[in-house]
Amino acid sequence: MSWLDKLERKFRKFGIKNLMLYIVTANAAIYLLSIVDPEQTLLYKLTLNPDMVMKGEVWRLITFIFIPPSASPIWIVLVLYFSYLIGSSLEHEWGSFRFTLYYFVGILTTIAAAFITGFPVGPTFINLSLFLAFAKVYPNYEILLFFVLPVKVKYFAYIEWFFLIVTIVLFPLPLKATAIASIVNYLIFFGKENFFRSKVRRQSYYNRQEYRAQVPKKEWFHKCTVCGITEKDNPDMDFRYCSTCEGHYEYCMEHLRNHEHIRKA
């Protein structure tokens, strides 16, 4: 029994059913309120700002996950719908407890990154970790790119991993720390499985290489069954299969009509 199974047996009741529905609904509500708030005062009050948290604004520790992406009304509908699809699918696959655990580990590590760096953060990287989990569980799920071209979600995940690695390697410390923090939950859930599969693939590759090295290389393509001559011995020699012999037996032109036919017993 894995440690996740043990946790679920003890704390199953703490799983929040339909968690993503609540988060998406809150995102939509905040987006609508932000439309009538041109100064973006509300969004500022919700952002995870470590300095303001230390001054008593502790609600920021949770409200930052409700900040919607800044986008057009049509785009925000698509983003929120896809977020709900990802979250509800993972909850259906894992159950409410595991999905809640995955999401809240992402929240806690993001909070830790914010306090370590001292910079405000939003929910972007948490949402990215959800997408990576979705792509891991449902790699062949197809998304209509530009509403026309079907593309499997795993290919989008490869792109996201690329940008995530670039962020970790090249970007300033605040973004670097937040990016690393956002994949801690992914590594907790899938790290062991990915390591095991990588190990198996690597061992399989070495086994194939070792097998190929031990198999003697065939330096000829045609070989006479009677005299053993090959195209390496005589490049001008023609070879034919005998239609009378029972099996695939090849002969040079000198022995094609001058050999004892092979019969199966």
Protein backbone atom coordinates (compact mmCIF):
# COMPACT_ATOMS: atom_id res chain seq x y z
CA MET A 1 0.00 0.00 0.00
CA SER A 2 1.46 3.37 -1.03
CA TRP A 3 1.72 6.36 1.30
CA LEU A 4 -1.03 8.06 -0.71
CA ASP A 5 -3.33 5.12 -0.03
CA LYS A 6 -2.55 5.35 3.68
CA LEU A 7 -3.23 9.08 3.75
CA GLU A 8 -6.49 8.60 1.89
CA ARG A 9 -7.70 5.95 4.31
CA LYS A 10 -7.04 8.23 7.30
CA PHE A 11 -8.06 11.62 5.89
CA ARG A 12 -10.56 10.83 3.15
CA LYS A 13 -13.19 13.03 4.81
CA PHE A 14 -11.05 16.13 4.20
CA GLY A 15 -11.31 15.82 0.44
CA ILE A 16 -13.31 18.71 -1.06
CA LYS A 17 -15.81 17.40 -3.57
CA ASN A 18 -16.11 19.52 -6.75
CA LEU A 19 -13.18 21.67 -5.62
CA MET A 20 -12.45 22.89 -9.15
CA LEU A 21 -16.05 24.02 -9.58
CA TYR A 22 -15.68 26.33 -6.58
CA ILE A 23 -12.37 27.69 -7.83
CA VAL A 24 -13.63 28.32 -11.36
CA THR A 25 -16.80 29.96 -10.04
CA ALA A 26 -14.73 32.26 -7.83
CA ASN A 27 -12.46 33.09 -10.79
CA ALA A 28 -15.49 34.04 -12.87
CA ALA A 29 -16.91 36.21 -10.09
CA ILE A 30 -13.60 38.02 -9.55
CA TYR A 31 -13.29 38.57 -13.30
CA LEU A 32 -16.72 40.18 -13.46
CA LEU A 33 -15.91 42.40 -10.48
CA SER A 34 -12.59 43.41 -12.02
CA ILE A 35 -14.40 44.74 -15.09
CA VAL A 36 -15.99 47.48 -12.98
CA ASP A 37 -12.73 48.06 -11.11
CA PRO A 38 -10.40 49.80 -13.60
CA GLU A 39 -7.85 50.51 -10.86
CA GLN A 40 -7.56 46.75 -10.20
CA THR A 41 -7.76 47.39 -6.48
CA LEU A 42 -9.57 44.12 -5.86
CA LEU A 43 -6.95 42.04 -7.66
CA TYR A 44 -4.21 43.76 -5.70
CA LYS A 45 -5.99 42.90 -2.45
CA LEU A 46 -6.18 39.23 -3.46
CA THR A 47 -2.59 38.76 -4.65
CA LEU A 48 -0.24 36.70 -2.50
CA ASN A 49 2.02 39.49 -1.24
CA PRO A 50 4.26 38.26 1.61
CA ASP A 51 4.80 41.77 3.03
CA MET A 52 1.06 42.42 3.27
CA VAL A 53 0.44 38.98 4.77
CA MET A 54 2.93 39.77 7.52
CA LYS A 55 0.97 42.98 8.18
CA GLY A 56 -2.16 40.99 8.92
CA GLU A 57 -3.80 40.46 5.50
CA VAL A 58 -3.76 36.69 5.91
CA TRP A 59 -6.62 36.12 3.45
CA ARG A 60 -4.05 36.54 0.68
CA LEU A 61 -2.73 33.06 1.53
CA ILE A 62 -5.78 31.56 -0.19
CA THR A 63 -7.40 34.31 -2.28
CA PHE A 64 -4.55 34.44 -4.78
CA ILE A 65 -5.82 31.21 -6.36
CA PHE A 66 -9.04 33.02 -7.32
CA ILE A 67 -7.29 35.61 -9.50
CA PRO A 68 -8.38 34.98 -13.13
CA PRO A 69 -6.07 35.43 -16.11
CA SER A 70 -6.33 38.84 -17.69
CA ALA A 71 -8.09 38.17 -20.97
CA SER A 72 -11.05 38.96 -23.19
CA PRO A 73 -14.50 37.69 -22.14
CA ILE A 74 -14.49 34.95 -24.79
CA TRP A 75 -11.00 33.79 -23.86
CA ILE A 76 -11.76 33.78 -20.14
CA VAL A 77 -14.76 31.52 -20.76
CA LEU A 78 -12.56 29.06 -22.65
CA VAL A 79 -9.83 29.17 -20.03
CA LEU A 80 -12.22 28.61 -17.14
CA TYR A 81 -14.03 25.82 -18.99
CA PHE A 82 -10.75 24.04 -19.70
CA SER A 83 -9.65 24.53 -16.08
CA TYR A 84 -12.88 22.93 -14.90
CA LEU A 85 -12.44 20.09 -17.39
CA ILE A 86 -8.93 19.40 -16.13
CA GLY A 87 -9.86 19.58 -12.45
CA SER A 88 -13.05 17.54 -12.68
CA SER A 89 -11.32 14.89 -14.80
CA LEU A 90 -8.49 14.51 -12.29
CA GLU A 91 -10.95 14.36 -9.41
CA HIS A 92 -12.92 11.67 -11.25
CA GLU A 93 -9.70 9.70 -11.81
CA TRP A 94 -8.16 10.11 -8.36
CA GLY A 95 -11.09 10.87 -6.09
CA SER A 96 -11.77 14.06 -4.13
CA PHE A 97 -9.11 13.52 -1.47
CA ARG A 98 -6.17 13.01 -3.82
CA PHE A 99 -7.16 15.88 -6.06
CA THR A 100 -7.57 18.16 -3.05
CA LEU A 101 -4.18 17.05 -1.75
CA TYR A 102 -2.53 17.69 -5.12
CA TYR A 103 -3.99 21.17 -5.36
CA PHE A 104 -3.23 22.19 -1.78
CA VAL A 105 0.35 20.94 -1.99
CA GLY A 106 0.68 23.28 -4.98
CA ILE A 107 -0.74 26.13 -2.87
CA LEU A 108 1.60 25.46 0.06
CA THR A 109 4.74 25.23 -2.07
CA THR A 110 3.77 28.42 -3.93
CA ILE A 111 3.28 30.22 -0.61
CA ALA A 112 6.69 28.96 0.53
CA ALA A 113 8.31 30.24 -2.69
CA ALA A 114 6.66 33.64 -2.24
CA PHE A 115 7.97 34.03 1.31
CA ILE A 116 11.44 32.80 0.38
CA THR A 117 11.77 35.32 -2.45
CA GLY A 118 9.60 38.06 -0.95
CA PHE A 119 7.81 38.67 -4.26
CA PRO A 120 4.04 38.58 -4.94
CA VAL A 121 2.77 35.59 -6.91
CA GLY A 122 -0.40 34.46 -8.67
CA PRO A 123 -1.92 31.07 -9.49
CA THR A 124 -0.34 30.67 -12.96
CA PHE A 125 2.12 27.95 -12.04
CA ILE A 126 -0.42 26.05 -9.93
CA ASN A 127 -2.70 25.89 -12.96
CA LEU A 128 0.27 24.72 -15.01
CA SER A 129 0.88 21.86 -12.59
CA LEU A 130 -2.76 20.81 -13.00
CA PHE A 131 -2.35 20.78 -16.77
CA LEU A 132 0.81 18.65 -16.53
CA ALA A 133 -1.01 16.16 -14.30
CA PHE A 134 -3.93 16.04 -16.74
CA ALA A 135 -1.54 15.40 -19.64
CA LYS A 136 0.11 12.62 -17.64
CA VAL A 137 -3.18 10.89 -16.82
CA TYR A 138 -4.87 11.54 -20.19
CA PRO A 139 -1.97 11.88 -22.68
CA ASN A 140 -4.10 11.09 -25.75
CA TYR A 141 -6.90 13.53 -24.99
CA GLU A 142 -7.29 15.75 -28.06
CA ILE A 143 -7.62 19.53 -28.10
CA LEU A 144 -8.81 21.34 -31.21
CA LEU A 145 -6.04 23.78 -31.99
CA PHE A 146 -7.57 26.92 -33.52
CA PHE A 147 -10.88 24.99 -33.16
CA VAL A 148 -9.90 22.88 -36.20
CA LEU A 149 -6.71 20.85 -35.79
CA PRO A 150 -6.89 17.99 -33.24
CA VAL A 151 -3.68 17.76 -31.19
CA LYS A 152 -3.06 15.33 -28.35
CA VAL A 153 -2.62 17.06 -25.02
CA LYS A 154 0.72 15.35 -24.34
CA TYR A 155 2.34 17.45 -27.07
CA PHE A 156 1.20 20.64 -25.38
CA ALA A 157 2.66 19.24 -22.16
CA TYR A 158 6.06 18.81 -23.85
CA ILE A 159 5.96 22.49 -24.78
CA GLU A 160 4.96 23.46 -21.25
CA TRP A 161 7.82 21.40 -19.79
CA PHE A 162 10.22 23.16 -22.14
CA PHE A 163 9.14 26.62 -21.01
CA LEU A 164 9.11 25.47 -17.39
CA ILE A 165 12.70 24.27 -17.64
CA VAL A 166 13.71 27.49 -19.41
CA THR A 167 12.10 29.47 -16.58
CA ILE A 168 13.95 27.47 -13.94
CA VAL A 169 17.30 27.80 -15.72
CA LEU A 170 17.26 31.32 -17.15
CA PHE A 171 14.72 33.50 -15.35
CA PRO A 172 15.25 35.54 -12.14
CA LEU A 173 15.01 33.92 -8.72
CA PRO A 174 11.34 34.77 -7.96
CA LEU A 175 10.08 33.08 -11.14
CA LYS A 176 12.62 30.30 -10.77
CA ALA A 177 11.50 29.51 -7.23
CA THR A 178 7.80 29.68 -8.10
CA ALA A 179 8.28 27.38 -11.10
CA ILE A 180 10.12 24.82 -8.99
CA ALA A 181 7.52 25.05 -6.22
CA SER A 182 4.69 24.50 -8.68
CA ILE A 183 5.93 21.07 -9.78
CA VAL A 184 6.58 19.68 -6.31
CA ASN A 185 3.06 18.22 -6.25
CA TYR A 186 3.62 16.70 -9.72
CA LEU A 187 6.88 15.09 -8.57
CA ILE A 188 5.22 13.76 -5.41
CA PHE A 189 2.45 12.10 -7.42
CA PHE A 190 4.37 10.98 -10.51
CA GLY A 191 8.08 11.18 -9.70
CA LYS A 192 8.47 7.55 -8.61
CA GLU A 193 6.50 6.27 -11.60
CA ASN A 194 8.50 8.42 -14.04
CA PHE A 195 11.79 7.31 -12.48
CA PHE A 196 10.81 3.65 -12.68
CA ARG A 197 9.73 3.94 -16.32
CA SER A 198 12.89 5.82 -17.20
CA LYS A 199 14.95 3.12 -15.53
CA VAL A 200 13.10 0.36 -17.40
CA ARG A 201 13.49 2.15 -20.74
CA ARG A 202 17.20 2.74 -20.11
CA GLN A 203 17.75 -0.91 -19.18
CA SER A 204 15.79 -2.05 -22.25
CA TYR A 205 17.95 0.18 -24.45
CA TYR A 206 21.16 -1.29 -22.99
CA ASN A 207 19.80 -4.82 -23.40
CA ARG A 208 19.02 -4.17 -27.07
CA GLN A 209 22.46 -2.70 -27.65
CA GLU A 210 24.12 -5.66 -25.96
CA TYR A 211 22.04 -8.14 -27.96
CA ARG A 212 22.86 -6.41 -31.25
CA ALA A 213 26.54 -6.43 -30.38
CA GLN A 214 26.45 -10.19 -29.76
CA VAL A 215 24.54 -11.06 -32.94
CA PRO A 216 27.02 -11.72 -35.75
CA LYS A 217 26.60 -9.26 -38.57
CA LYS A 218 25.50 -10.74 -41.88
CA GLU A 219 27.91 -9.43 -44.50
CA TRP A 220 26.03 -10.91 -47.46
CA PHE A 221 22.50 -10.86 -48.75
CA HIS A 222 22.51 -13.72 -51.30
CA LYS A 223 24.16 -17.11 -50.70
CA CYS A 224 24.05 -20.33 -52.70
CA THR A 225 22.77 -23.29 -50.70
CA VAL A 226 25.14 -25.70 -52.52
CA CYS A 227 28.50 -23.96 -52.89
CA GLY A 228 28.08 -21.10 -50.43
CA ILE A 229 29.11 -18.41 -52.88
CA THR A 230 27.74 -14.92 -52.13
CA GLU A 231 27.48 -11.62 -54.00
CA LYS A 232 30.59 -10.58 -52.05
CA ASP A 233 32.55 -13.38 -53.70
CA ASN A 234 31.23 -12.66 -57.19
CA PRO A 235 29.36 -9.35 -57.66
CA ASP A 236 28.30 -10.42 -61.19
CA MET A 237 26.65 -13.65 -60.05
CA ASP A 238 22.84 -13.90 -60.15
CA PHE A 239 20.89 -15.82 -57.51
CA ARG A 240 17.46 -17.42 -57.68
CA TYR A 241 15.12 -19.36 -55.41
CA CYS A 242 14.18 -22.88 -56.45
CA SER A 243 10.42 -23.31 -56.88
CA THR A 244 10.70 -27.09 -56.44
CA CYS A 245 12.51 -27.12 -53.11
CA GLU A 246 10.20 -26.99 -50.13
CA GLY A 247 11.39 -23.89 -48.34
CA HIS A 248 13.31 -20.73 -49.12
CA TYR A 249 16.54 -22.02 -50.64
CA GLU A 250 18.63 -19.81 -52.87
CA TYR A 251 21.09 -20.96 -55.52
CA CYS A 252 23.67 -19.41 -57.81
CA MET A 253 23.08 -19.79 -61.54
CA GLU A 254 25.53 -22.70 -61.73
CA HIS A 255 23.54 -24.78 -59.24
CA LEU A 256 20.01 -23.49 -59.86
CA ARG A 257 19.28 -26.40 -62.22
CA ASN A 258 21.98 -28.68 -60.91
CA HIS A 259 21.17 -29.57 -57.32
CA GLU A 260 19.31 -32.12 -55.27
CA HIS A 261 15.87 -30.73 -54.38
CA ILE A 262 15.18 -30.39 -50.70
CA ARG A 263 11.99 -32.00 -49.43
CA LYS A 264 10.42 -31.70 -46.01
CA ALA A 265 10.20 -35.00 -44.18
